[in-house]
Amino acid sequence: MVTATPTRGDTLADVLERVLDKGVVITADITVFVGDVELLGIKIRAAIASFETAAKYGLEFPAGTNFSAPGWKELGKEFSYCPSCGNKSDKNILFGAGCSHCGWISPLKSKLGEKQVIA
């Protein structure tokens, strides 16, 4: 079991993003006995994860999920976090050009001597 220890700078949004990125499974078994007779047995299994994480681990999606929606096209892309600001961006764009959020320039781009042009 992996536990995340929050640091002082973590906000609720940071913790929620981490939980959705990694996923959490909650399991509970509840049994009610009277004497030696089982009256009630409940088994609960719940998974909390982003759709991307759920797809990665083969979890079933709810009936009626629209797999042709634009967000599903993002599943094939690889994402990385900017080393400067920490924002999540497309890996190819981030390391090929730089971060559009903070202006960080990829070492590959600066090595080629190109000027910074970020939309």
Protein backbone atom coordinates (compact mmCIF):
# COMPACT_ATOMS: atom_id res chain seq x y z
CA MET A 1 0.00 0.00 0.00
CA VAL A 2 1.40 3.36 -1.03
CA THR A 3 0.57 6.34 1.12
CA ALA A 4 1.03 9.96 0.19
CA THR A 5 2.30 12.27 2.87
CA PRO A 6 1.01 15.77 2.22
CA THR A 7 3.44 18.62 2.45
CA ARG A 8 2.64 22.13 3.61
CA GLY A 9 2.28 23.41 0.01
CA ASP A 10 -0.31 20.80 -1.00
CA THR A 11 -3.76 22.15 -1.67
CA LEU A 12 -6.96 20.16 -1.93
CA ALA A 13 -6.65 20.37 -5.73
CA ASP A 14 -3.10 18.89 -5.59
CA VAL A 15 -4.25 15.99 -3.41
CA LEU A 16 -7.31 15.35 -5.61
CA GLU A 17 -5.17 15.38 -8.76
CA ARG A 18 -2.76 12.88 -7.19
CA VAL A 19 -5.63 10.57 -6.12
CA LEU A 20 -7.23 10.67 -9.57
CA ASP A 21 -3.85 10.13 -11.25
CA LYS A 22 -2.92 7.08 -9.17
CA GLY A 23 -6.39 5.78 -8.25
CA VAL A 24 -7.81 4.52 -4.96
CA VAL A 25 -9.71 1.30 -4.30
CA ILE A 26 -12.00 1.07 -1.28
CA THR A 27 -13.08 -2.37 -0.09
CA ALA A 28 -15.48 -3.11 2.75
CA ASP A 29 -17.11 -6.33 3.93
CA ILE A 30 -19.98 -5.95 6.37
CA THR A 31 -21.60 -8.98 8.00
CA VAL A 32 -24.34 -9.00 10.61
CA PHE A 33 -24.67 -12.13 12.77
CA VAL A 34 -27.23 -13.03 15.40
CA GLY A 35 -25.79 -15.92 17.32
CA ASP A 36 -24.29 -18.23 14.70
CA VAL A 37 -26.67 -17.15 11.93
CA GLU A 38 -25.59 -14.65 9.29
CA LEU A 39 -28.48 -12.26 8.70
CA LEU A 40 -26.89 -9.78 6.34
CA GLY A 41 -23.75 -9.71 4.22
CA ILE A 42 -22.67 -6.71 2.18
CA LYS A 43 -19.54 -6.49 0.03
CA ILE A 44 -18.60 -3.05 -1.23
CA ARG A 45 -15.94 -2.37 -3.85
CA ALA A 46 -15.41 1.19 -5.04
CA ALA A 47 -12.70 2.63 -7.26
CA ILE A 48 -11.93 6.33 -7.45
CA ALA A 49 -9.74 7.25 -10.41
CA SER A 50 -9.61 9.37 -13.53
CA PHE A 51 -10.93 7.75 -16.70
CA GLU A 52 -7.34 7.61 -17.96
CA THR A 53 -6.19 5.64 -14.91
CA ALA A 54 -9.28 3.42 -15.02
CA ALA A 55 -8.66 2.59 -18.68
CA LYS A 56 -5.01 1.84 -17.92
CA TYR A 57 -5.99 -0.78 -15.32
CA GLY A 58 -8.91 -2.22 -17.29
CA LEU A 59 -11.73 -1.05 -15.00
CA GLU A 60 -15.22 -1.17 -16.49
CA PHE A 61 -16.88 2.12 -17.42
CA PRO A 62 -20.49 3.02 -16.64
CA ALA A 63 -23.14 2.14 -19.24
CA GLY A 64 -23.74 5.01 -21.63
CA THR A 65 -20.13 6.29 -21.61
CA ASN A 66 -19.58 8.17 -24.89
CA PHE A 67 -16.21 6.91 -26.15
CA SER A 68 -16.38 9.16 -29.24
CA ALA A 69 -16.21 12.33 -27.11
CA PRO A 70 -13.16 14.58 -27.69
CA GLY A 71 -11.67 13.83 -24.25
CA TRP A 72 -11.05 10.19 -25.18
CA LYS A 73 -8.67 11.32 -27.95
CA GLU A 74 -6.40 12.73 -25.23
CA LEU A 75 -5.89 9.24 -23.74
CA GLY A 76 -3.30 8.29 -26.35
CA LYS A 77 -1.12 11.33 -25.65
CA GLU A 78 1.76 11.22 -23.22
CA PHE A 79 1.88 14.00 -20.66
CA SER A 80 4.71 15.32 -18.51
CA TYR A 81 5.00 17.97 -15.85
CA CYS A 82 6.98 21.15 -16.48
CA PRO A 83 10.15 21.14 -14.36
CA SER A 84 9.71 24.86 -13.71
CA CYS A 85 6.01 25.38 -12.87
CA GLY A 86 4.72 21.80 -12.52
CA ASN A 87 1.83 22.18 -14.99
CA LYS A 88 0.82 19.10 -16.98
CA SER A 89 1.45 19.44 -20.72
CA ASP A 90 1.75 17.29 -23.83
CA LYS A 91 5.17 15.63 -23.53
CA ASN A 92 6.18 16.22 -27.17
CA ILE A 93 5.32 19.91 -27.04
CA LEU A 94 6.85 20.43 -23.59
CA PHE A 95 10.24 18.91 -24.41
CA GLY A 96 10.25 19.97 -28.05
CA ALA A 97 9.40 23.63 -27.53
CA GLY A 98 8.79 24.46 -23.89
CA CYS A 99 6.05 25.28 -21.42
CA SER A 100 3.22 27.49 -22.62
CA HIS A 101 2.24 28.23 -19.00
CA CYS A 102 5.44 29.71 -17.57
CA GLY A 103 7.73 30.16 -20.58
CA TRP A 104 10.27 27.49 -19.59
CA ILE A 105 12.42 26.60 -22.60
CA SER A 106 13.27 22.98 -23.32
CA PRO A 107 17.02 22.25 -23.19
CA LEU A 108 16.68 20.66 -26.62
CA LYS A 109 15.27 23.88 -28.07
CA SER A 110 17.82 26.12 -26.36
CA LYS A 111 20.62 23.79 -27.51
CA LEU A 112 19.53 24.33 -31.11
CA GLY A 113 19.75 28.10 -30.54
CA GLU A 114 16.15 28.81 -31.44
CA LYS A 115 14.35 31.82 -30.03
CA GLN A 116 11.52 31.32 -27.59
CA VAL A 117 8.15 31.35 -29.35
CA ILE A 118 5.34 29.99 -27.21
CA ALA A 119 1.70 30.54 -28.08
